[in-house]
Amino acid sequence: MSRILAVVLALSAVACSKGLDTIESAESFAKSRGVVLTEKTEDKGQVVAPRSYDYKAGDVEVAIMQFHTSDAAGKWKEMMDDSPFAPEVRVHKGNVIFMVWGGDDAARQKVVAALQP
């Protein structure tokens, strides 16, 4: 029994470490963490990621961008984190980046905290 539990835990750790790979998995993850995303709108104007959607979480704005690889998402996040002209908070999870901005500081921080590991 303990061996089965160890295998299940090991597989869970591997699955969690991979992060999220699609917009849909990111939406499910947000929901599981208590972040209710509404007003889903495809962001066809952006040219950075193959897929991107904008949402509302109360008064807070949330965007989810899906990249082809986790490495591409991570490099884009690094570049944007170094930019003084990008005030949104970015959370990297696998091929997906959550961007959070708007609303009051407490509401924004609550969303960011829920999306972080």
PDB file of N, CA and C in Angstrom:
ATOM      1  N   MET A   1       0.822  -1.194   0.000  1.00  0.00           N
ATOM      2  CA  MET A   1       0.000   0.000   0.000  1.00  0.00           C
ATOM      3  C   MET A   1       0.865   1.256   0.000  1.00  0.00           C
ATOM      4  N   SER A   2       1.928   1.241   0.810  1.00  0.00           N
ATOM      5  CA  SER A   2       2.783   2.427   0.872  1.00  0.00           C
ATOM      6  C   SER A   2       3.529   2.644  -0.444  1.00  0.00           C
ATOM      7  N   ARG A   3       3.816   1.560  -1.172  1.00  0.00           N
ATOM      8  CA  ARG A   3       4.475   1.705  -2.480  1.00  0.00           C
ATOM      9  C   ARG A   3       3.548   2.374  -3.482  1.00  0.00           C
ATOM     10  N   ILE A   4       2.283   1.998  -3.449  1.00  0.00           N
ATOM     11  CA  ILE A   4       1.306   2.609  -4.358  1.00  0.00           C
ATOM     12  C   ILE A   4       1.194   4.097  -4.056  1.00  0.00           C
ATOM     13  N   LEU A   5       1.124   4.440  -2.786  1.00  0.00           N
ATOM     14  CA  LEU A   5       1.051   5.840  -2.388  1.00  0.00           C
ATOM     15  C   LEU A   5       2.287   6.603  -2.851  1.00  0.00           C
ATOM     16  N   ALA A   6       3.451   6.005  -2.721  1.00  0.00           N
ATOM     17  CA  ALA A   6       4.692   6.653  -3.155  1.00  0.00           C
ATOM     18  C   ALA A   6       4.686   6.892  -4.656  1.00  0.00           C
ATOM     19  N   VAL A   7       4.197   5.922  -5.427  1.00  0.00           N
ATOM     20  CA  VAL A   7       4.124   6.072  -6.887  1.00  0.00           C
ATOM     21  C   VAL A   7       3.143   7.181  -7.254  1.00  0.00           C
ATOM     22  N   VAL A   8       1.987   7.199  -6.604  1.00  0.00           N
ATOM     23  CA  VAL A   8       0.988   8.239  -6.868  1.00  0.00           C
ATOM     24  C   VAL A   8       1.557   9.614  -6.555  1.00  0.00           C
ATOM     25  N   LEU A   9       2.220   9.756  -5.434  1.00  0.00           N
ATOM     26  CA  LEU A   9       2.818  11.042  -5.065  1.00  0.00           C
ATOM     27  C   LEU A   9       3.907  11.454  -6.051  1.00  0.00           C
ATOM     28  N   ALA A  10       4.717  10.516  -6.488  1.00  0.00           N
ATOM     29  CA  ALA A  10       5.776  10.828  -7.452  1.00  0.00           C
ATOM     30  C   ALA A  10       5.184  11.284  -8.774  1.00  0.00           C
ATOM     31  N   LEU A  11       4.158  10.595  -9.246  1.00  0.00           N
ATOM     32  CA  LEU A  11       3.514  10.992 -10.497  1.00  0.00           C
ATOM     33  C   LEU A  11       2.832  12.347 -10.359  1.00  0.00           C
ATOM     34  N   SER A  12       2.242  12.614  -9.211  1.00  0.00           N
ATOM     35  CA  SER A  12       1.615  13.916  -8.973  1.00  0.00           C
ATOM     36  C   SER A  12       2.646  15.027  -9.018  1.00  0.00           C
ATOM     37  N   ALA A  13       3.795  14.793  -8.419  1.00  0.00           N
ATOM     38  CA  ALA A  13       4.858  15.804  -8.410  1.00  0.00           C
ATOM     39  C   ALA A  13       5.341  16.091  -9.819  1.00  0.00           C
ATOM     40  N   VAL A  14       5.483  15.054 -10.634  1.00  0.00           N
ATOM     41  CA  VAL A  14       5.913  15.250 -12.023  1.00  0.00           C
ATOM     42  C   VAL A  14       4.862  16.037 -12.782  1.00  0.00           C
ATOM     43  N   ALA A  15       3.596  15.685 -12.626  1.00  0.00           N
ATOM     44  CA  ALA A  15       2.525  16.386 -13.329  1.00  0.00           C
ATOM     45  C   ALA A  15       2.466  17.844 -12.915  1.00  0.00           C
ATOM     46  N   CYS A  16       2.615  18.131 -11.631  1.00  0.00           N
ATOM     47  CA  CYS A  16       2.558  19.508 -11.147  1.00  0.00           C
ATOM     48  C   CYS A  16       3.759  20.321 -11.613  1.00  0.00           C
ATOM     49  N   SER A  17       4.910  19.693 -11.696  1.00  0.00           N
ATOM     50  CA  SER A  17       6.111  20.431 -12.067  1.00  0.00           C
ATOM     51  C   SER A  17       6.104  20.837 -13.530  1.00  0.00           C
ATOM     52  N   LYS A  18       5.334  20.131 -14.353  1.00  0.00           N
ATOM     53  CA  LYS A  18       5.267  20.464 -15.770  1.00  0.00           C
ATOM     54  C   LYS A  18       4.521  21.776 -15.994  1.00  0.00           C
ATOM     55  N   GLY A  19       3.639  22.131 -15.100  1.00  0.00           N
ATOM     56  CA  GLY A  19       2.875  23.351 -15.249  1.00  0.00           C
ATOM     57  C   GLY A  19       1.664  23.139 -16.143  1.00  0.00           C
ATOM     58  N   LEU A  20       1.151  24.225 -16.653  1.00  0.00           N
ATOM     59  CA  LEU A  20      -0.046  24.195 -17.485  1.00  0.00           C
ATOM     60  C   LEU A  20       0.364  24.291 -18.947  1.00  0.00           C
ATOM     61  N   ASP A  21      -0.402  23.645 -19.826  1.00  0.00           N
ATOM     62  CA  ASP A  21      -0.007  23.681 -21.229  1.00  0.00           C
ATOM     63  C   ASP A  21      -1.014  24.341 -22.155  1.00  0.00           C
ATOM     64  N   THR A  22      -2.244  24.580 -21.700  1.00  0.00           N
ATOM     65  CA  THR A  22      -3.250  25.205 -22.559  1.00  0.00           C
ATOM     66  C   THR A  22      -4.029  26.278 -21.796  1.00  0.00           C
ATOM     67  N   ILE A  23      -4.718  27.106 -22.554  1.00  0.00           N
ATOM     68  CA  ILE A  23      -5.616  28.110 -21.971  1.00  0.00           C
ATOM     69  C   ILE A  23      -6.655  27.407 -21.097  1.00  0.00           C
ATOM     70  N   GLU A  24      -7.201  26.311 -21.610  1.00  0.00           N
ATOM     71  CA  GLU A  24      -8.251  25.595 -20.892  1.00  0.00           C
ATOM     72  C   GLU A  24      -7.743  25.026 -19.565  1.00  0.00           C
ATOM     73  N   SER A  25      -6.532  24.486 -19.555  1.00  0.00           N
ATOM     74  CA  SER A  25      -5.987  23.975 -18.288  1.00  0.00           C
ATOM     75  C   SER A  25      -5.718  25.128 -17.323  1.00  0.00           C
ATOM     76  N   ALA A  26      -5.347  26.286 -17.851  1.00  0.00           N
ATOM     77  CA  ALA A  26      -5.126  27.465 -17.008  1.00  0.00           C
ATOM     78  C   ALA A  26      -6.445  27.955 -16.406  1.00  0.00           C
ATOM     79  N   GLU A  27      -7.516  27.928 -17.205  1.00  0.00           N
ATOM     80  CA  GLU A  27      -8.832  28.314 -16.686  1.00  0.00           C
ATOM     81  C   GLU A  27      -9.264  27.374 -15.557  1.00  0.00           C
ATOM     82  N   SER A  28      -9.065  26.084 -15.755  1.00  0.00           N
ATOM     83  CA  SER A  28      -9.419  25.096 -14.721  1.00  0.00           C
ATOM     84  C   SER A  28      -8.583  25.296 -13.466  1.00  0.00           C
ATOM     85  N   PHE A  29      -7.295  25.568 -13.650  1.00  0.00           N
ATOM     86  CA  PHE A  29      -6.411  25.815 -12.514  1.00  0.00           C
ATOM     87  C   PHE A  29      -6.889  27.032 -11.723  1.00  0.00           C
ATOM     88  N   ALA A  30      -7.190  28.127 -12.429  1.00  0.00           N
ATOM     89  CA  ALA A  30      -7.659  29.343 -11.754  1.00  0.00           C
ATOM     90  C   ALA A  30      -8.935  29.050 -10.961  1.00  0.00           C
ATOM     91  N   LYS A  31      -9.855  28.337 -11.584  1.00  0.00           N
ATOM     92  CA  LYS A  31     -11.111  27.993 -10.908  1.00  0.00           C
ATOM     93  C   LYS A  31     -10.845  27.154  -9.660  1.00  0.00           C
ATOM     94  N   SER A  32      -9.919  26.201  -9.763  1.00  0.00           N
ATOM     95  CA  SER A  32      -9.606  25.345  -8.612  1.00  0.00           C
ATOM     96  C   SER A  32      -8.970  26.124  -7.466  1.00  0.00           C
ATOM     97  N   ARG A  33      -8.386  27.276  -7.780  1.00  0.00           N
ATOM     98  CA  ARG A  33      -7.751  28.119  -6.759  1.00  0.00           C
ATOM     99  C   ARG A  33      -8.679  29.234  -6.282  1.00  0.00           C
ATOM    100  N   GLY A  34      -9.953  29.208  -6.728  1.00  0.00           N
ATOM    101  CA  GLY A  34     -10.931  30.182  -6.267  1.00  0.00           C
ATOM    102  C   GLY A  34     -10.974  31.475  -7.059  1.00  0.00           C
ATOM    103  N   VAL A  35     -10.308  31.518  -8.207  1.00  0.00           N
ATOM    104  CA  VAL A  35     -10.333  32.710  -9.056  1.00  0.00           C
ATOM    105  C   VAL A  35     -11.419  32.505 -10.110  1.00  0.00           C
ATOM    106  N   VAL A  36     -12.485  33.296 -10.025  1.00  0.00           N
ATOM    107  CA  VAL A  36     -13.600  33.179 -10.957  1.00  0.00           C
ATOM    108  C   VAL A  36     -13.338  34.116 -12.135  1.00  0.00           C
ATOM    109  N   LEU A  37     -13.098  33.521 -13.301  1.00  0.00           N
ATOM    110  CA  LEU A  37     -12.813  34.297 -14.507  1.00  0.00           C
ATOM    111  C   LEU A  37     -14.095  34.463 -15.311  1.00  0.00           C
ATOM    112  N   THR A  38     -14.440  35.713 -15.633  1.00  0.00           N
ATOM    113  CA  THR A  38     -15.644  35.999 -16.413  1.00  0.00           C
ATOM    114  C   THR A  38     -15.262  36.859 -17.615  1.00  0.00           C
ATOM    115  N   GLU A  39     -16.233  37.099 -18.484  1.00  0.00           N
ATOM    116  CA  GLU A  39     -16.069  37.984 -19.645  1.00  0.00           C
ATOM    117  C   GLU A  39     -14.887  37.571 -20.528  1.00  0.00           C
ATOM    118  N   LYS A  40     -14.811  36.299 -20.860  1.00  0.00           N
ATOM    119  CA  LYS A  40     -13.718  35.779 -21.693  1.00  0.00           C
ATOM    120  C   LYS A  40     -13.781  36.395 -23.087  1.00  0.00           C
ATOM    121  N   THR A  41     -12.666  36.996 -23.497  1.00  0.00           N
ATOM    122  CA  THR A  41     -12.566  37.619 -24.813  1.00  0.00           C
ATOM    123  C   THR A  41     -11.229  37.262 -25.430  1.00  0.00           C
ATOM    124  N   GLU A  42     -11.252  36.764 -26.658  1.00  0.00           N
ATOM    125  CA  GLU A  42      -9.990  36.444 -27.328  1.00  0.00           C
ATOM    126  C   GLU A  42      -9.260  37.735 -27.672  1.00  0.00           C
ATOM    127  N   ASP A  43      -7.985  37.781 -27.372  1.00  0.00           N
ATOM    128  CA  ASP A  43      -7.153  38.948 -27.676  1.00  0.00           C
ATOM    129  C   ASP A  43      -6.471  38.701 -29.016  1.00  0.00           C
ATOM    130  N   LYS A  44      -7.145  39.092 -30.090  1.00  0.00           N
ATOM    131  CA  LYS A  44      -6.620  38.860 -31.441  1.00  0.00           C
ATOM    132  C   LYS A  44      -5.601  39.909 -31.848  1.00  0.00           C
ATOM    133  N   GLY A  45      -5.487  40.985 -31.087  1.00  0.00           N
ATOM    134  CA  GLY A  45      -4.578  42.074 -31.427  1.00  0.00           C
ATOM    135  C   GLY A  45      -3.139  41.838 -31.012  1.00  0.00           C
ATOM    136  N   GLN A  46      -2.914  40.960 -30.053  1.00  0.00           N
ATOM    137  CA  GLN A  46      -1.546  40.725 -29.591  1.00  0.00           C
ATOM    138  C   GLN A  46      -0.831  39.805 -30.578  1.00  0.00           C
ATOM    139  N   VAL A  47       0.483  39.959 -30.649  1.00  0.00           N
ATOM    140  CA  VAL A  47       1.272  39.173 -31.609  1.00  0.00           C
ATOM    141  C   VAL A  47       2.372  38.362 -30.929  1.00  0.00           C
ATOM    142  N   VAL A  48       2.328  38.255 -29.616  1.00  0.00           N
ATOM    143  CA  VAL A  48       3.404  37.606 -28.866  1.00  0.00           C
ATOM    144  C   VAL A  48       3.193  36.101 -28.755  1.00  0.00           C
ATOM    145  N   ALA A  49       1.996  35.690 -28.403  1.00  0.00           N
ATOM    146  CA  ALA A  49       1.712  34.275 -28.151  1.00  0.00           C
ATOM    147  C   ALA A  49       0.682  33.758 -29.157  1.00  0.00           C
ATOM    148  N   PRO A  50       0.720  32.459 -29.453  1.00  0.00           N
ATOM    149  CA  PRO A  50      -0.249  31.891 -30.393  1.00  0.00           C
ATOM    150  C   PRO A  50      -1.699  32.033 -29.944  1.00  0.00           C
ATOM    151  N   ARG A  51      -1.941  31.979 -28.620  1.00  0.00           N
ATOM    152  CA  ARG A  51      -3.300  32.135 -28.095  1.00  0.00           C
ATOM    153  C   ARG A  51      -3.265  33.046 -26.880  1.00  0.00           C
ATOM    154  N   SER A  52      -4.282  33.907 -26.775  1.00  0.00           N
ATOM    155  CA  SER A  52      -4.372  34.805 -25.631  1.00  0.00           C
ATOM    156  C   SER A  52      -5.828  35.203 -25.415  1.00  0.00           C
ATOM    157  N   TYR A  53      -6.252  35.178 -24.153  1.00  0.00           N
ATOM    158  CA  TYR A  53      -7.608  35.584 -23.799  1.00  0.00           C
ATOM    159  C   TYR A  53      -7.555  36.537 -22.618  1.00  0.00           C
ATOM    160  N   ASP A  54      -8.490  37.482 -22.607  1.00  0.00           N
ATOM    161  CA  ASP A  54      -8.635  38.439 -21.511  1.00  0.00           C
ATOM    162  C   ASP A  54      -9.883  38.073 -20.710  1.00  0.00           C
ATOM    163  N   TYR A  55      -9.823  38.321 -19.409  1.00  0.00           N
ATOM    164  CA  TYR A  55     -10.910  37.985 -18.492  1.00  0.00           C
ATOM    165  C   TYR A  55     -11.049  39.091 -17.452  1.00  0.00           C
ATOM    166  N   LYS A  56     -12.131  38.981 -16.687  1.00  0.00           N
ATOM    167  CA  LYS A  56     -12.310  39.790 -15.483  1.00  0.00           C
ATOM    168  C   LYS A  56     -12.402  38.826 -14.307  1.00  0.00           C
ATOM    169  N   ALA A  57     -11.832  39.226 -13.185  1.00  0.00           N
ATOM    170  CA  ALA A  57     -11.989  38.521 -11.910  1.00  0.00           C
ATOM    171  C   ALA A  57     -12.411  39.602 -10.928  1.00  0.00           C
ATOM    172  N   GLY A  58     -13.704  39.890 -10.891  1.00  0.00           N
ATOM    173  CA  GLY A  58     -14.187  41.052 -10.147  1.00  0.00           C
ATOM    174  C   GLY A  58     -13.748  42.298 -10.890  1.00  0.00           C
ATOM    175  N   ASP A  59     -13.065  43.208 -10.187  1.00  0.00           N
ATOM    176  CA  ASP A  59     -12.552  44.426 -10.821  1.00  0.00           C
ATOM    177  C   ASP A  59     -11.148  44.242 -11.388  1.00  0.00           C
ATOM    178  N   VAL A  60     -10.578  43.081 -11.173  1.00  0.00           N
ATOM    179  CA  VAL A  60      -9.206  42.811 -11.611  1.00  0.00           C
ATOM    180  C   VAL A  60      -9.225  42.259 -13.035  1.00  0.00           C
ATOM    181  N   GLU A  61      -8.281  42.710 -13.849  1.00  0.00           N
ATOM    182  CA  GLU A  61      -8.124  42.213 -15.220  1.00  0.00           C
ATOM    183  C   GLU A  61      -7.123  41.064 -15.204  1.00  0.00           C
ATOM    184  N   VAL A  62      -7.431  40.007 -15.936  1.00  0.00           N
ATOM    185  CA  VAL A  62      -6.533  38.857 -16.045  1.00  0.00           C
ATOM    186  C   VAL A  62      -6.425  38.485 -17.516  1.00  0.00           C
ATOM    187  N   ALA A  63      -5.218  38.239 -17.977  1.00  0.00           N
ATOM    188  CA  ALA A  63      -5.004  37.707 -19.324  1.00  0.00           C
ATOM    189  C   ALA A  63      -4.263  36.391 -19.176  1.00  0.00           C
ATOM    190  N   ILE A  64      -4.595  35.449 -20.040  1.00  0.00           N
ATOM    191  CA  ILE A  64      -3.866  34.184 -20.088  1.00  0.00           C
ATOM    192  C   ILE A  64      -3.288  34.059 -21.486  1.00  0.00           C
ATOM    193  N   MET A  65      -1.968  33.906 -21.539  1.00  0.00           N
ATOM    194  CA  MET A  65      -1.275  33.745 -22.816  1.00  0.00           C
ATOM    195  C   MET A  65      -0.688  32.336 -22.870  1.00  0.00           C
ATOM    196  N   GLN A  66      -0.907  31.664 -23.989  1.00  0.00           N
ATOM    197  CA  GLN A  66      -0.389  30.306 -24.174  1.00  0.00           C
ATOM    198  C   GLN A  66       0.725  30.336 -25.216  1.00  0.00           C
ATOM    199  N   PHE A  67       1.904  29.880 -24.822  1.00  0.00           N
ATOM    200  CA  PHE A  67       3.062  29.813 -25.710  1.00  0.00           C
ATOM    201  C   PHE A  67       3.265  28.370 -26.180  1.00  0.00           C
ATOM    202  N   HIS A  68       4.122  28.182 -27.183  1.00  0.00           N
ATOM    203  CA  HIS A  68       4.404  26.831 -27.682  1.00  0.00           C
ATOM    204  C   HIS A  68       5.204  26.008 -26.683  1.00  0.00           C
ATOM    205  N   THR A  69       6.089  26.659 -25.925  1.00  0.00           N
ATOM    206  CA  THR A  69       6.919  25.936 -24.956  1.00  0.00           C
ATOM    207  C   THR A  69       6.993  26.713 -23.646  1.00  0.00           C
ATOM    208  N   SER A  70       7.318  26.001 -22.589  1.00  0.00           N
ATOM    209  CA  SER A  70       7.515  26.634 -21.290  1.00  0.00           C
ATOM    210  C   SER A  70       8.718  27.570 -21.331  1.00  0.00           C
ATOM    211  N   ASP A  71       9.738  27.176 -22.072  1.00  0.00           N
ATOM    212  CA  ASP A  71      10.939  28.001 -22.196  1.00  0.00           C
ATOM    213  C   ASP A  71      10.618  29.348 -22.846  1.00  0.00           C
ATOM    214  N   ALA A  72       9.808  29.324 -23.911  1.00  0.00           N
ATOM    215  CA  ALA A  72       9.416  30.569 -24.584  1.00  0.00           C
ATOM    216  C   ALA A  72       8.621  31.461 -23.634  1.00  0.00           C
ATOM    217  N   ALA A  73       7.707  30.864 -22.883  1.00  0.00           N
ATOM    218  CA  ALA A  73       6.913  31.632 -21.919  1.00  0.00           C
ATOM    219  C   ALA A  73       7.816  32.243 -20.855  1.00  0.00           C
ATOM    220  N   GLY A  74       8.759  31.459 -20.355  1.00  0.00           N
ATOM    221  CA  GLY A  74       9.672  31.946 -19.321  1.00  0.00           C
ATOM    222  C   GLY A  74      10.556  33.079 -19.804  1.00  0.00           C
ATOM    223  N   LYS A  75      11.059  32.970 -21.027  1.00  0.00           N
ATOM    224  CA  LYS A  75      11.914  34.031 -21.574  1.00  0.00           C
ATOM    225  C   LYS A  75      11.125  35.313 -21.795  1.00  0.00           C
ATOM    226  N   TRP A  76       9.881  35.185 -22.272  1.00  0.00           N
ATOM    227  CA  TRP A  76       9.051  36.371 -22.469  1.00  0.00           C
ATOM    228  C   TRP A  76       8.769  37.030 -21.118  1.00  0.00           C
ATOM    229  N   LYS A  77       8.454  36.220 -20.097  1.00  0.00           N
ATOM    230  CA  LYS A  77       8.196  36.767 -18.761  1.00  0.00           C
ATOM    231  C   LYS A  77       9.422  37.494 -18.224  1.00  0.00           C
ATOM    232  N   GLU A  78      10.598  36.887 -18.362  1.00  0.00           N
ATOM    233  CA  GLU A  78      11.846  37.528 -17.912  1.00  0.00           C
ATOM    234  C   GLU A  78      12.029  38.891 -18.558  1.00  0.00           C
ATOM    235  N   MET A  79      11.830  38.934 -19.880  1.00  0.00           N
ATOM    236  CA  MET A  79      11.996  40.185 -20.615  1.00  0.00           C
ATOM    237  C   MET A  79      10.999  41.240 -20.120  1.00  0.00           C
ATOM    238  N   MET A  80       9.748  40.842 -19.931  1.00  0.00           N
ATOM    239  CA  MET A  80       8.727  41.789 -19.498  1.00  0.00           C
ATOM    240  C   MET A  80       8.923  42.219 -18.043  1.00  0.00           C
ATOM    241  N   ASP A  81       9.415  41.316 -17.203  1.00  0.00           N
ATOM    242  CA  ASP A  81       9.676  41.671 -15.804  1.00  0.00           C
ATOM    243  C   ASP A  81      10.744  42.752 -15.699  1.00  0.00           C
ATOM    244  N   ASP A  82      11.649  42.808 -16.664  1.00  0.00           N
ATOM    245  CA  ASP A  82      12.710  43.816 -16.678  1.00  0.00           C
ATOM    246  C   ASP A  82      12.265  45.140 -17.288  1.00  0.00           C
ATOM    247  N   SER A  83      11.047  45.180 -17.843  1.00  0.00           N
ATOM    248  CA  SER A  83      10.556  46.384 -18.510  1.00  0.00           C
ATOM    249  C   SER A  83       9.843  47.306 -17.519  1.00  0.00           C
ATOM    250  N   PRO A  84      10.231  48.590 -17.487  1.00  0.00           N
ATOM    251  CA  PRO A  84       9.546  49.523 -16.586  1.00  0.00           C
ATOM    252  C   PRO A  84       8.166  49.933 -17.112  1.00  0.00           C
ATOM    253  N   PHE A  85       7.850  49.558 -18.350  1.00  0.00           N
ATOM    254  CA  PHE A  85       6.592  49.976 -18.970  1.00  0.00           C
ATOM    255  C   PHE A  85       5.516  48.896 -18.923  1.00  0.00           C
ATOM    256  N   ALA A  86       5.740  47.835 -18.175  1.00  0.00           N
ATOM    257  CA  ALA A  86       4.780  46.734 -18.085  1.00  0.00           C
ATOM    258  C   ALA A  86       4.393  46.532 -16.620  1.00  0.00           C
ATOM    259  N   PRO A  87       3.365  47.254 -16.136  1.00  0.00           N
ATOM    260  CA  PRO A  87       3.030  47.233 -14.711  1.00  0.00           C
ATOM    261  C   PRO A  87       2.313  45.972 -14.230  1.00  0.00           C
ATOM    262  N   GLU A  88       1.804  45.145 -15.141  1.00  0.00           N
ATOM    263  CA  GLU A  88       1.067  43.971 -14.692  1.00  0.00           C
ATOM    264  C   GLU A  88       1.982  42.943 -14.034  1.00  0.00           C
ATOM    265  N   VAL A  89       1.385  42.144 -13.161  1.00  0.00           N
ATOM    266  CA  VAL A  89       2.114  41.056 -12.502  1.00  0.00           C
ATOM    267  C   VAL A  89       1.949  39.819 -13.376  1.00  0.00           C
ATOM    268  N   ARG A  90       3.043  39.105 -13.627  1.00  0.00           N
ATOM    269  CA  ARG A  90       3.009  37.919 -14.466  1.00  0.00           C
ATOM    270  C   ARG A  90       3.337  36.672 -13.642  1.00  0.00           C
ATOM    271  N   VAL A  91       2.538  35.622 -13.841  1.00  0.00           N
ATOM    272  CA  VAL A  91       2.751  34.345 -13.164  1.00  0.00           C
ATOM    273  C   VAL A  91       2.967  33.292 -14.246  1.00  0.00           C
ATOM    274  N   HIS A  92       4.130  32.654 -14.216  1.00  0.00           N
ATOM    275  CA  HIS A  92       4.507  31.655 -15.227  1.00  0.00           C
ATOM    276  C   HIS A  92       4.184  30.262 -14.718  1.00  0.00           C
ATOM    277  N   LYS A  93       3.427  29.506 -15.505  1.00  0.00           N
ATOM    278  CA  LYS A  93       3.087  28.115 -15.173  1.00  0.00           C
ATOM    279  C   LYS A  93       3.150  27.295 -16.452  1.00  0.00           C
ATOM    280  N   GLY A  94       4.272  26.658 -16.715  1.00  0.00           N
ATOM    281  CA  GLY A  94       4.411  25.833 -17.918  1.00  0.00           C
ATOM    282  C   GLY A  94       4.389  26.687 -19.173  1.00  0.00           C
ATOM    283  N   ASN A  95       3.543  26.315 -20.126  1.00  0.00           N
ATOM    284  CA  ASN A  95       3.434  27.051 -21.392  1.00  0.00           C
ATOM    285  C   ASN A  95       2.571  28.298 -21.259  1.00  0.00           C
ATOM    286  N   VAL A  96       2.045  28.541 -20.073  1.00  0.00           N
ATOM    287  CA  VAL A  96       1.058  29.596 -19.862  1.00  0.00           C
ATOM    288  C   VAL A  96       1.611  30.700 -18.965  1.00  0.00           C
ATOM    289  N   ILE A  97       1.226  31.928 -19.303  1.00  0.00           N
ATOM    290  CA  ILE A  97       1.515  33.093 -18.459  1.00  0.00           C
ATOM    291  C   ILE A  97       0.175  33.725 -18.076  1.00  0.00           C
ATOM    292  N   PHE A  98      -0.030  33.931 -16.778  1.00  0.00           N
ATOM    293  CA  PHE A  98      -1.153  34.737 -16.297  1.00  0.00           C
ATOM    294  C   PHE A  98      -0.628  36.156 -16.134  1.00  0.00           C
ATOM    295  N   MET A  99      -1.358  37.139 -16.644  1.00  0.00           N
ATOM    296  CA  MET A  99      -1.025  38.547 -16.396  1.00  0.00           C
ATOM    297  C   MET A  99      -2.183  39.141 -15.607  1.00  0.00           C
ATOM    298  N   VAL A 100      -1.859  39.853 -14.529  1.00  0.00           N
ATOM    299  CA  VAL A 100      -2.870  40.393 -13.626  1.00  0.00           C
ATOM    300  C   VAL A 100      -2.621  41.882 -13.444  1.00  0.00           C
ATOM    301  N   TRP A 101      -3.673  42.700 -13.615  1.00  0.00           N
ATOM    302  CA  TRP A 101      -3.553  44.139 -13.416  1.00  0.00           C
ATOM    303  C   TRP A 101      -4.939  44.717 -13.117  1.00  0.00           C
ATOM    304  N   GLY A 102      -4.978  45.992 -12.799  1.00  0.00           N
ATOM    305  CA  GLY A 102      -6.238  46.680 -12.542  1.00  0.00           C
ATOM    306  C   GLY A 102      -6.804  46.360 -11.164  1.00  0.00           C
ATOM    307  N   GLY A 103      -7.966  46.935 -10.886  1.00  0.00           N
ATOM    308  CA  GLY A 103      -8.593  46.741  -9.586  1.00  0.00           C
ATOM    309  C   GLY A 103      -7.770  47.388  -8.488  1.00  0.00           C
ATOM    310  N   ASP A 104      -8.236  47.251  -7.251  1.00  0.00           N
ATOM    311  CA  ASP A 104      -7.438  47.810  -6.155  1.00  0.00           C
ATOM    312  C   ASP A 104      -6.333  46.825  -5.783  1.00  0.00           C
ATOM    313  N   ASP A 105      -5.358  47.316  -5.049  1.00  0.00           N
ATOM    314  CA  ASP A 105      -4.167  46.520  -4.751  1.00  0.00           C
ATOM    315  C   ASP A 105      -4.504  45.231  -4.004  1.00  0.00           C
ATOM    316  N   ALA A 106      -5.409  45.304  -3.035  1.00  0.00           N
ATOM    317  CA  ALA A 106      -5.756  44.117  -2.240  1.00  0.00           C
ATOM    318  C   ALA A 106      -6.394  43.039  -3.114  1.00  0.00           C
ATOM    319  N   ALA A 107      -7.308  43.438  -3.991  1.00  0.00           N
ATOM    320  CA  ALA A 107      -7.968  42.468  -4.877  1.00  0.00           C
ATOM    321  C   ALA A 107      -6.969  41.860  -5.855  1.00  0.00           C
ATOM    322  N   ARG A 108      -6.101  42.690  -6.385  1.00  0.00           N
ATOM    323  CA  ARG A 108      -5.074  42.220  -7.338  1.00  0.00           C
ATOM    324  C   ARG A 108      -4.128  41.227  -6.660  1.00  0.00           C
ATOM    325  N   GLN A 109      -3.679  41.560  -5.449  1.00  0.00           N
ATOM    326  CA  GLN A 109      -2.769  40.672  -4.730  1.00  0.00           C
ATOM    327  C   GLN A 109      -3.435  39.341  -4.362  1.00  0.00           C
ATOM    328  N   LYS A 110      -4.731  39.376  -4.096  1.00  0.00           N
ATOM    329  CA  LYS A 110      -5.464  38.146  -3.792  1.00  0.00           C
ATOM    330  C   LYS A 110      -5.468  37.216  -5.008  1.00  0.00           C
ATOM    331  N   VAL A 111      -5.694  37.771  -6.188  1.00  0.00           N
ATOM    332  CA  VAL A 111      -5.687  36.970  -7.422  1.00  0.00           C
ATOM    333  C   VAL A 111      -4.291  36.421  -7.684  1.00  0.00           C
ATOM    334  N   VAL A 112      -3.280  37.270  -7.565  1.00  0.00           N
ATOM    335  CA  VAL A 112      -1.891  36.836  -7.799  1.00  0.00           C
ATOM    336  C   VAL A 112      -1.513  35.721  -6.829  1.00  0.00           C
ATOM    337  N   ALA A 113      -1.846  35.887  -5.558  1.00  0.00           N
ATOM    338  CA  ALA A 113      -1.503  34.873  -4.552  1.00  0.00           C
ATOM    339  C   ALA A 113      -2.173  33.534  -4.863  1.00  0.00           C
ATOM    340  N   ALA A 114      -3.403  33.578  -5.357  1.00  0.00           N
ATOM    341  CA  ALA A 114      -4.114  32.338  -5.687  1.00  0.00           C
ATOM    342  C   ALA A 114      -3.483  31.626  -6.879  1.00  0.00           C
ATOM    343  N   LEU A 115      -2.917  32.380  -7.808  1.00  0.00           N
ATOM    344  CA  LEU A 115      -2.351  31.782  -9.020  1.00  0.00           C
ATOM    345  C   LEU A 115      -0.906  31.327  -8.859  1.00  0.00           C
ATOM    346  N   GLN A 116      -0.227  31.837  -7.848  1.00  0.00           N
ATOM    347  CA  GLN A 116       1.168  31.448  -7.636  1.00  0.00           C
ATOM    348  C   GLN A 116       1.241  30.089  -6.959  1.00  0.00           C
ATOM    349  N   PRO A 117       2.400  29.413  -7.111  1.00  0.00           N
ATOM    350  CA  PRO A 117       2.538  28.085  -6.495  1.00  0.00           C
ATOM    351  C   PRO A 117       2.495  28.136  -4.984  1.00  0.00           C
TER     352      PRO A 117
END
